Structures are given as C-alpha cells and as structure tokens.
PDB file of N, CA and C in Angstrom:
ATOM      1  N   MET A   1      -9.207   2.821  -8.513  1.00  0.00           N
ATOM      2  CA  MET A   1      -8.083   2.102  -7.836  1.00  0.00           C
ATOM      3  C   MET A   1      -7.682   3.001  -6.392  1.00  0.00           C
ATOM      4  N   LYS A   2      -7.841   2.324  -5.604  1.00  0.00           N
ATOM      5  CA  LYS A   2      -7.082   2.787  -3.995  1.00  0.00           C
ATOM      6  C   LYS A   2      -6.128   1.525  -3.639  1.00  0.00           C
ATOM      7  N   VAL A   3      -5.258   2.112  -2.841  1.00  0.00           N
ATOM      8  CA  VAL A   3      -3.888   1.147  -2.415  1.00  0.00           C
ATOM      9  C   VAL A   3      -3.849   1.423  -0.866  1.00  0.00           C
ATOM     10  N   LEU A   4      -4.503   0.624  -0.234  1.00  0.00           N
ATOM     11  CA  LEU A   4      -4.145   0.930   1.187  1.00  0.00           C
ATOM     12  C   LEU A   4      -2.382   0.565   1.635  1.00  0.00           C
ATOM     13  N   LYS A   5      -1.319   0.663   2.227  1.00  0.00           N
ATOM     14  CA  LYS A   5      -0.327   0.670   2.833  1.00  0.00           C
ATOM     15  C   LYS A   5      -0.166   0.601   4.123  1.00  0.00           C
ATOM     16  N   PHE A   6       0.274  -0.441   4.609  1.00  0.00           N
ATOM     17  CA  PHE A   6       0.313  -0.726   5.945  1.00  0.00           C
ATOM     18  C   PHE A   6       2.214  -0.534   6.159  1.00  0.00           C
ATOM     19  N   GLY A   7       2.374  -0.132   7.608  1.00  0.00           N
ATOM     20  CA  GLY A   7       3.614   0.067   7.883  1.00  0.00           C
ATOM     21  C   GLY A   7       3.735   0.453   9.088  1.00  0.00           C
ATOM     22  N   ALA A   8       5.227   0.673   9.618  1.00  0.00           N
ATOM     23  CA  ALA A   8       5.300   0.647  10.830  1.00  0.00           C
ATOM     24  C   ALA A   8       7.038   1.988  10.810  1.00  0.00           C
ATOM     25  N   VAL A   9       6.859   2.775  11.511  1.00  0.00           N
ATOM     26  CA  VAL A   9       8.343   3.487  11.673  1.00  0.00           C
ATOM     27  C   VAL A   9       9.575   2.793  11.706  1.00  0.00           C
ATOM     28  N   TRP A  10       9.493   1.811  12.615  1.00  0.00           N
ATOM     29  CA  TRP A  10      10.336   1.079  12.835  1.00  0.00           C
ATOM     30  C   TRP A  10      10.657  -0.694  12.240  1.00  0.00           C
ATOM     31  N   CYS A  11       9.627  -0.164  11.008  1.00  0.00           N
ATOM     32  CA  CYS A  11      10.133  -1.406  10.320  1.00  0.00           C
ATOM     33  C   CYS A  11      11.205  -0.775   8.306  1.00  0.00           C
ATOM     34  N   PRO A  12      12.233  -1.792   8.799  1.00  0.00           N
ATOM     35  CA  PRO A  12      13.276  -1.454   7.584  1.00  0.00           C
ATOM     36  C   PRO A  12      12.450  -1.292   5.679  1.00  0.00           C
ATOM     37  N   GLY A  13      11.805  -2.255   5.916  1.00  0.00           N
ATOM     38  CA  GLY A  13      11.472  -2.614   4.577  1.00  0.00           C
ATOM     39  C   GLY A  13      10.524  -1.772   4.301  1.00  0.00           C
ATOM     40  N   CYS A  14       9.565  -0.569   5.493  1.00  0.00           N
ATOM     41  CA  CYS A  14       8.667   0.334   5.459  1.00  0.00           C
ATOM     42  C   CYS A  14       9.501   1.673   4.838  1.00  0.00           C
ATOM     43  N   LEU A  15      10.869   1.587   5.500  1.00  0.00           N
ATOM     44  CA  LEU A  15      11.262   3.176   4.961  1.00  0.00           C
ATOM     45  C   LEU A  15      11.732   2.930   3.911  1.00  0.00           C
ATOM     46  N   VAL A  16      12.037   1.678   3.456  1.00  0.00           N
ATOM     47  CA  VAL A  16      12.917   1.522   1.878  1.00  0.00           C
ATOM     48  C   VAL A  16      11.938   2.162   1.227  1.00  0.00           C
ATOM     49  N   MET A  17      10.357   1.518   1.280  1.00  0.00           N
ATOM     50  CA  MET A  17       9.242   1.835   0.578  1.00  0.00           C
ATOM     51  C   MET A  17       8.590   3.344   0.337  1.00  0.00           C
ATOM     52  N   LYS A  18       8.907   3.742   1.669  1.00  0.00           N
ATOM     53  CA  LYS A  18       8.709   5.097   1.431  1.00  0.00           C
ATOM     54  C   LYS A  18       8.644   6.034   0.336  1.00  0.00           C
ATOM     55  N   PRO A  19       9.765   6.051   0.498  1.00  0.00           N
ATOM     56  CA  PRO A  19      10.189   7.344  -0.602  1.00  0.00           C
ATOM     57  C   PRO A  19       9.683   6.916  -2.113  1.00  0.00           C
ATOM     58  N   ARG A  20       9.772   5.640  -2.184  1.00  0.00           N
ATOM     59  CA  ARG A  20       9.101   4.815  -3.296  1.00  0.00           C
ATOM     60  C   ARG A  20       7.822   5.240  -3.866  1.00  0.00           C
ATOM     61  N   TRP A  21       6.963   5.376  -2.720  1.00  0.00           N
ATOM     62  CA  TRP A  21       5.744   5.162  -2.831  1.00  0.00           C
ATOM     63  C   TRP A  21       5.362   7.200  -3.184  1.00  0.00           C
ATOM     64  N   LYS A  22       6.211   7.929  -2.467  1.00  0.00           N
ATOM     65  CA  LYS A  22       6.239   9.198  -2.715  1.00  0.00           C
ATOM     66  C   LYS A  22       6.519   9.203  -4.037  1.00  0.00           C
ATOM     67  N   LYS A  23       7.491   8.994  -4.716  1.00  0.00           N
ATOM     68  CA  LYS A  23       7.145   9.129  -5.876  1.00  0.00           C
ATOM     69  C   LYS A  23       6.185   8.949  -7.231  1.00  0.00           C
ATOM     70  N   ILE A  24       5.650   7.555  -6.783  1.00  0.00           N
ATOM     71  CA  ILE A  24       4.706   7.608  -7.565  1.00  0.00           C
ATOM     72  C   ILE A  24       3.732   7.937  -7.335  1.00  0.00           C
ATOM     73  N   GLU A  25       3.271   8.491  -6.155  1.00  0.00           N
ATOM     74  CA  GLU A  25       1.816   9.124  -5.707  1.00  0.00           C
ATOM     75  C   GLU A  25       2.359  10.487  -6.588  1.00  0.00           C
ATOM     76  N   GLU A  26       3.393  11.495  -6.203  1.00  0.00           N
ATOM     77  CA  GLU A  26       3.532  12.388  -7.194  1.00  0.00           C
ATOM     78  C   GLU A  26       3.396  12.303  -8.936  1.00  0.00           C
ATOM     79  N   GLU A  27       3.790  11.041  -9.204  1.00  0.00           N
ATOM     80  CA  GLU A  27       3.993  11.321 -10.354  1.00  0.00           C
ATOM     81  C   GLU A  27       2.371  10.137 -11.018  1.00  0.00           C
ATOM     82  N   ASN A  28       1.560  10.351 -10.341  1.00  0.00           N
ATOM     83  CA  ASN A  28       0.313   9.978 -10.617  1.00  0.00           C
ATOM     84  C   ASN A  28      -1.073  10.037  -9.371  1.00  0.00           C
ATOM     85  N   SER A  29      -1.213  11.609  -9.486  1.00  0.00           N
ATOM     86  CA  SER A  29      -1.530  12.324  -8.656  1.00  0.00           C
ATOM     87  C   SER A  29      -3.238  11.855  -8.606  1.00  0.00           C
ATOM     88  N   TRP A  30      -3.719  11.085  -9.780  1.00  0.00           N
ATOM     89  CA  TRP A  30      -4.984  10.518  -9.692  1.00  0.00           C
ATOM     90  C   TRP A  30      -4.957   9.112  -8.712  1.00  0.00           C
ATOM     91  N   LEU A  31      -3.425   8.740  -8.287  1.00  0.00           N
ATOM     92  CA  LEU A  31      -3.654   7.174  -7.432  1.00  0.00           C
ATOM     93  C   LEU A  31      -4.522   7.999  -5.816  1.00  0.00           C
ATOM     94  N   LYS A  32      -4.931   6.568  -5.850  1.00  0.00           N
ATOM     95  CA  LYS A  32      -5.621   7.005  -4.096  1.00  0.00           C
ATOM     96  C   LYS A  32      -4.564   6.116  -3.123  1.00  0.00           C
ATOM     97  N   THR A  33      -4.223   6.612  -1.809  1.00  0.00           N
ATOM     98  CA  THR A  33      -3.641   5.932  -1.055  1.00  0.00           C
ATOM     99  C   THR A  33      -4.032   6.273   0.046  1.00  0.00           C
ATOM    100  N   GLU A  34      -4.349   4.894   1.243  1.00  0.00           N
ATOM    101  CA  GLU A  34      -4.185   5.412   2.525  1.00  0.00           C
ATOM    102  C   GLU A  34      -2.967   4.792   3.305  1.00  0.00           C
ATOM    103  N   TYR A  35      -2.311   5.279   4.242  1.00  0.00           N
ATOM    104  CA  TYR A  35      -1.097   5.025   4.709  1.00  0.00           C
ATOM    105  C   TYR A  35      -1.785   4.743   6.161  1.00  0.00           C
ATOM    106  N   TYR A  36      -1.692   3.166   6.991  1.00  0.00           N
ATOM    107  CA  TYR A  36      -1.426   3.168   8.297  1.00  0.00           C
ATOM    108  C   TYR A  36      -0.473   2.681   9.111  1.00  0.00           C
ATOM    109  N   ASP A  37      -0.327   3.141   9.909  1.00  0.00           N
ATOM    110  CA  ASP A  37       0.779   2.852  10.916  1.00  0.00           C
ATOM    111  C   ASP A  37       0.436   2.027  11.623  1.00  0.00           C
ATOM    112  N   LEU A  38       1.078   1.093  11.722  1.00  0.00           N
ATOM    113  CA  LEU A  38       0.687  -0.118  12.950  1.00  0.00           C
ATOM    114  C   LEU A  38       0.778   0.506  14.362  1.00  0.00           C
ATOM    115  N   ASP A  39       1.197   1.509  14.834  1.00  0.00           N
ATOM    116  CA  ASP A  39       1.224   1.777  16.201  1.00  0.00           C
ATOM    117  C   ASP A  39       0.047   2.646  16.232  1.00  0.00           C
ATOM    118  N   ALA A  40      -0.240   3.352  15.437  1.00  0.00           N
ATOM    119  CA  ALA A  40      -1.405   3.619  15.577  1.00  0.00           C
ATOM    120  C   ALA A  40      -2.898   2.829  16.037  1.00  0.00           C
ATOM    121  N   ASP A  41      -3.389   3.136  17.185  1.00  0.00           N
ATOM    122  CA  ASP A  41      -5.116   2.205  17.614  1.00  0.00           C
ATOM    123  C   ASP A  41      -6.059   2.218  16.117  1.00  0.00           C
ATOM    124  N   ILE A  42      -6.231   2.978  15.505  1.00  0.00           N
ATOM    125  CA  ILE A  42      -6.905   3.145  14.456  1.00  0.00           C
ATOM    126  C   ILE A  42      -6.012   1.705  13.336  1.00  0.00           C
ATOM    127  N   ALA A  43      -5.160   2.041  13.218  1.00  0.00           N
ATOM    128  CA  ALA A  43      -4.391   1.309  12.191  1.00  0.00           C
ATOM    129  C   ALA A  43      -4.798  -0.234  12.352  1.00  0.00           C
ATOM    130  N   LYS A  44      -4.713  -0.226  13.577  1.00  0.00           N
ATOM    131  CA  LYS A  44      -4.672  -1.862  14.348  1.00  0.00           C
ATOM    132  C   LYS A  44      -5.915  -2.568  13.849  1.00  0.00           C
ATOM    133  N   LYS A  45      -7.162  -1.550  13.702  1.00  0.00           N
ATOM    134  CA  LYS A  45      -8.778  -1.957  13.624  1.00  0.00           C
ATOM    135  C   LYS A  45      -8.396  -2.373  11.892  1.00  0.00           C
ATOM    136  N   VAL A  46      -8.123  -1.573  11.292  1.00  0.00           N
ATOM    137  CA  VAL A  46      -7.889  -1.753   9.817  1.00  0.00           C
ATOM    138  C   VAL A  46      -7.506  -3.115   9.492  1.00  0.00           C
ATOM    139  N   ALA A  47      -5.769  -3.097  10.169  1.00  0.00           N
ATOM    140  CA  ALA A  47      -4.978  -4.159   9.760  1.00  0.00           C
ATOM    141  C   ALA A  47      -5.306  -5.194   9.783  1.00  0.00           C
ATOM    142  N   GLU A  48      -6.723  -5.662  11.148  1.00  0.00           N
ATOM    143  CA  GLU A  48      -7.298  -6.717  11.674  1.00  0.00           C
ATOM    144  C   GLU A  48      -8.232  -7.061  10.702  1.00  0.00           C
ATOM    145  N   LYS A  49      -8.900  -6.054   9.758  1.00  0.00           N
ATOM    146  CA  LYS A  49      -9.935  -5.934   9.042  1.00  0.00           C
ATOM    147  C   LYS A  49      -9.320  -6.842   7.867  1.00  0.00           C
ATOM    148  N   TYR A  50      -7.936  -6.642   7.120  1.00  0.00           N
ATOM    149  CA  TYR A  50      -7.725  -6.768   6.434  1.00  0.00           C
ATOM    150  C   TYR A  50      -6.148  -8.038   6.408  1.00  0.00           C
ATOM    151  N   ASN A  51      -6.238  -8.769   7.797  1.00  0.00           N
ATOM    152  CA  ASN A  51      -5.677  -9.775   8.015  1.00  0.00           C
ATOM    153  C   ASN A  51      -4.159  -9.365   7.457  1.00  0.00           C
ATOM    154  N   ILE A  52      -3.355  -8.382   8.049  1.00  0.00           N
ATOM    155  CA  ILE A  52      -2.577  -8.164   7.899  1.00  0.00           C
ATOM    156  C   ILE A  52      -1.252  -8.634   9.013  1.00  0.00           C
ATOM    157  N   LYS A  53      -0.508  -9.743   8.166  1.00  0.00           N
ATOM    158  CA  LYS A  53       0.660 -10.519   8.788  1.00  0.00           C
ATOM    159  C   LYS A  53       2.078  -9.944   8.876  1.00  0.00           C
ATOM    160  N   MET A  54       2.643  -9.325   7.972  1.00  0.00           N
ATOM    161  CA  MET A  54       3.869  -8.729   8.012  1.00  0.00           C
ATOM    162  C   MET A  54       3.328  -7.121   7.166  1.00  0.00           C
ATOM    163  N   LEU A  55       4.787  -6.598   7.603  1.00  0.00           N
ATOM    164  CA  LEU A  55       4.796  -5.022   7.164  1.00  0.00           C
ATOM    165  C   LEU A  55       5.963  -5.109   6.495  1.00  0.00           C
ATOM    166  N   PRO A  56       6.468  -4.339   5.181  1.00  0.00           N
ATOM    167  CA  PRO A  56       5.073  -3.130   5.149  1.00  0.00           C
ATOM    168  C   PRO A  56       4.377  -4.342   4.017  1.00  0.00           C
ATOM    169  N   THR A  57       2.737  -4.155   4.272  1.00  0.00           N
ATOM    170  CA  THR A  57       1.464  -4.414   2.983  1.00  0.00           C
ATOM    171  C   THR A  57       1.074  -3.247   2.491  1.00  0.00           C
ATOM    172  N   PHE A  58       0.811  -3.959   1.030  1.00  0.00           N
ATOM    173  CA  PHE A  58       0.051  -3.154   0.368  1.00  0.00           C
ATOM    174  C   PHE A  58      -1.123  -4.234  -0.201  1.00  0.00           C
ATOM    175  N   ILE A  59      -2.221  -3.214  -0.434  1.00  0.00           N
ATOM    176  CA  ILE A  59      -3.616  -4.164  -0.832  1.00  0.00           C
ATOM    177  C   ILE A  59      -4.425  -3.299  -1.865  1.00  0.00           C
ATOM    178  N   PHE A  60      -3.697  -3.421  -2.849  1.00  0.00           N
ATOM    179  CA  PHE A  60      -5.037  -2.805  -3.985  1.00  0.00           C
ATOM    180  C   PHE A  60      -6.588  -2.842  -4.152  1.00  0.00           C
ATOM    181  N   LEU A  61      -7.243  -2.047  -4.263  1.00  0.00           N
ATOM    182  CA  LEU A  61      -8.732  -2.428  -3.921  1.00  0.00           C
ATOM    183  C   LEU A  61      -9.577  -1.447  -5.242  1.00  0.00           C
ATOM    184  N   ASP A  62     -10.111  -2.303  -5.574  1.00  0.00           N
ATOM    185  CA  ASP A  62     -11.056  -2.576  -6.897  1.00  0.00           C
ATOM    186  C   ASP A  62     -11.944  -0.977  -6.669  1.00  0.00           C
ATOM    187  N   SER A  63     -12.775  -0.287  -7.194  1.00  0.00           N
ATOM    188  CA  SER A  63     -13.607   1.060  -7.307  1.00  0.00           C
ATOM    189  C   SER A  63     -15.237   0.328  -6.400  1.00  0.00           C
ATOM    190  N   LYS A  64     -14.727  -0.780  -5.656  1.00  0.00           N
ATOM    191  CA  LYS A  64     -15.898  -1.375  -4.893  1.00  0.00           C
ATOM    192  C   LYS A  64     -15.357  -1.771  -3.811  1.00  0.00           C
ATOM    193  N   GLU A  65     -14.064  -1.267  -3.529  1.00  0.00           N
ATOM    194  CA  GLU A  65     -13.477  -1.710  -2.051  1.00  0.00           C
ATOM    195  C   GLU A  65     -13.149  -2.769  -2.385  1.00  0.00           C
ATOM    196  N   ASN A  66     -12.935  -4.390  -2.995  1.00  0.00           N
ATOM    197  CA  ASN A  66     -13.043  -5.340  -3.438  1.00  0.00           C
ATOM    198  C   ASN A  66     -11.322  -5.658  -3.213  1.00  0.00           C
ATOM    199  N   GLU A  67     -10.404  -6.249  -2.560  1.00  0.00           N
ATOM    200  CA  GLU A  67      -8.845  -6.296  -2.711  1.00  0.00           C
ATOM    201  C   GLU A  67      -8.957  -7.201  -4.028  1.00  0.00           C
ATOM    202  N   ILE A  68      -8.057  -6.605  -4.726  1.00  0.00           N
ATOM    203  CA  ILE A  68      -7.824  -7.052  -6.196  1.00  0.00           C
ATOM    204  C   ILE A  68      -6.030  -7.657  -5.771  1.00  0.00           C
ATOM    205  N   LEU A  69      -5.574  -7.435  -5.377  1.00  0.00           N
ATOM    206  CA  LEU A  69      -3.738  -7.644  -5.206  1.00  0.00           C
ATOM    207  C   LEU A  69      -3.635  -7.357  -4.070  1.00  0.00           C
ATOM    208  N   ARG A  70      -2.137  -8.228  -3.490  1.00  0.00           N
ATOM    209  CA  ARG A  70      -1.523  -8.091  -1.959  1.00  0.00           C
ATOM    210  C   ARG A  70      -0.006  -8.329  -2.465  1.00  0.00           C
ATOM    211  N   LEU A  71       0.420  -7.134  -1.753  1.00  0.00           N
ATOM    212  CA  LEU A  71       2.307  -7.226  -2.225  1.00  0.00           C
ATOM    213  C   LEU A  71       2.636  -6.867  -0.770  1.00  0.00           C
ATOM    214  N   ASN A  72       3.595  -8.232  -0.333  1.00  0.00           N
ATOM    215  CA  ASN A  72       3.803  -8.246   1.108  1.00  0.00           C
ATOM    216  C   ASN A  72       5.788  -7.600   0.681  1.00  0.00           C
ATOM    217  N   GLY A  73       6.213  -6.810   1.743  1.00  0.00           N
ATOM    218  CA  GLY A  73       8.243  -7.101   1.560  1.00  0.00           C
ATOM    219  C   GLY A  73       8.275  -5.451   0.271  1.00  0.00           C
ATOM    220  N   GLU A  74       9.593  -5.410   0.875  1.00  0.00           N
ATOM    221  CA  GLU A  74      10.340  -4.352  -0.490  1.00  0.00           C
ATOM    222  C   GLU A  74       9.611  -4.933  -2.313  1.00  0.00           C
ATOM    223  N   VAL A  75       9.070  -3.741  -2.895  1.00  0.00           N
ATOM    224  CA  VAL A  75       8.945  -3.870  -3.986  1.00  0.00           C
ATOM    225  C   VAL A  75       9.280  -3.159  -5.231  1.00  0.00           C
ATOM    226  N   ASP A  76      10.351  -3.435  -6.144  1.00  0.00           N
ATOM    227  CA  ASP A  76      10.780  -2.662  -6.895  1.00  0.00           C
ATOM    228  C   ASP A  76       9.981  -1.623  -7.439  1.00  0.00           C
ATOM    229  N   GLU A  77       9.905  -0.373  -7.507  1.00  0.00           N
ATOM    230  CA  GLU A  77       9.773   0.742  -7.831  1.00  0.00           C
ATOM    231  C   GLU A  77       8.610   0.583  -9.517  1.00  0.00           C
ATOM    232  N   LYS A  78       9.612  -0.159 -10.400  1.00  0.00           N
ATOM    233  CA  LYS A  78       9.083  -0.676 -11.614  1.00  0.00           C
ATOM    234  C   LYS A  78       7.585  -1.062 -11.611  1.00  0.00           C
ATOM    235  N   LYS A  79       8.090  -2.451 -10.898  1.00  0.00           N
ATOM    236  CA  LYS A  79       7.076  -3.176 -10.337  1.00  0.00           C
ATOM    237  C   LYS A  79       5.678  -2.710  -9.850  1.00  0.00           C
ATOM    238  N   LEU A  80       5.732  -2.199  -9.310  1.00  0.00           N
ATOM    239  CA  LEU A  80       4.875  -0.881  -8.829  1.00  0.00           C
ATOM    240  C   LEU A  80       4.171  -0.698  -9.726  1.00  0.00           C
ATOM    241  N   ILE A  81       4.503  -0.207 -10.364  1.00  0.00           N
ATOM    242  CA  ILE A  81       4.183   1.259 -11.725  1.00  0.00           C
ATOM    243  C   ILE A  81       3.360   0.330 -12.288  1.00  0.00           C
ATOM    244  N   GLU A  82       4.250  -1.358 -12.649  1.00  0.00           N
ATOM    245  CA  GLU A  82       3.223  -2.138 -13.534  1.00  0.00           C
ATOM    246  C   GLU A  82       1.797  -2.538 -13.180  1.00  0.00           C
ATOM    247  N   LEU A  83       2.047  -2.506 -12.204  1.00  0.00           N
ATOM    248  CA  LEU A  83       1.096  -3.246 -11.355  1.00  0.00           C
ATOM    249  C   LEU A  83      -0.097  -2.166 -10.957  1.00  0.00           C
ATOM    250  N   ILE A  84      -0.180  -1.270 -10.933  1.00  0.00           N
ATOM    251  CA  ILE A  84      -0.682   0.363 -10.718  1.00  0.00           C
ATOM    252  C   ILE A  84      -1.327  -0.010 -12.129  1.00  0.00           C
ATOM    253  N   ASN A  85      -0.550   0.546 -12.803  1.00  0.00           N
ATOM    254  CA  ASN A  85      -1.361   0.420 -14.391  1.00  0.00           C
ATOM    255  C   ASN A  85      -1.879  -0.520 -15.016  1.00  0.00           C
ATOM    256  N   GLN A  86      -1.325  -1.848 -14.964  1.00  0.00           N
ATOM    257  CA  GLN A  86      -2.589  -2.757 -14.958  1.00  0.00           C
ATOM    258  C   GLN A  86      -4.162  -2.854 -14.448  1.00  0.00           C
ATOM    259  N   ASN A  87      -3.752  -2.201 -13.330  1.00  0.00           N
ATOM    260  CA  ASN A  87      -5.058  -2.640 -12.310  1.00  0.00           C
ATOM    261  C   ASN A  87      -5.781  -1.061 -12.371  1.00  0.00           C
ATOM    262  N   LYS A  88      -5.551   0.002 -12.741  1.00  0.00           N
ATOM    263  CA  LYS A  88      -5.923   1.354 -12.511  1.00  0.00           C
ATOM    264  C   LYS A  88      -7.364   1.654 -13.083  1.00  0.00           C
ATOM    265  N   ASP A  89      -7.957   0.930 -13.838  1.00  0.00           N
ATOM    266  CA  ASP A  89      -9.550   0.761 -14.546  1.00  0.00           C
ATOM    267  C   ASP A  89     -10.657  -0.341 -13.855  1.00  0.00           C
ATOM    268  N   LYS A  90      -9.985  -0.876 -12.424  1.00  0.00           N
ATOM    269  CA  LYS A  90     -10.125  -1.545 -11.570  1.00  0.00           C
ATOM    270  C   LYS A  90     -11.247  -1.015 -10.586  1.00  0.00           C
TER     271      LYS A  90
END
C-alpha cells in the first residue's frame, strides 16, 4: 500500500496534517508515502491525474497502484492509523 499526500505550504489543513503523518510514518516504516506540493509543476500533473479538487487530499493505493480510498481535509490520527491497518495488505 502507498499513500499519496497532496498539500501546499499555504494550506492550514495541510499544516495540521503534516506532523500527524510524520508520526505515523515514523511508527510504520513499512508504509510508502509520496508528498506532492501543489505549488510545484510536477505535482500539478499528478494532481490532475488524480483529479484533486481540495487540500489536503490523501489517496491510498493498492500494490497495483489502484486507488482504494480517498480522504479530504483534516483526519484524526487514530482514524488514519485504523484505515492504514485495514488496508495495509492490499
């Protein structure tokens, strides 16, 4: 499983989520994540591919890179951990 994280430095919700994700990533070293700052040109192309309409957005992908879950906005840390554990073997 991999999580694509879309955000921007000017996005208040993104700033709230950044330390939550950092802690989760430190505690789950097996988890693959990629962060895309929407102000960067390459991120805009990826965001277009995934039809990103709001920030922050988190897209969970299975081992074949298929989207299995999408979250928008601020998400509670416990909820994130629960969703990661439910989907980690996909």
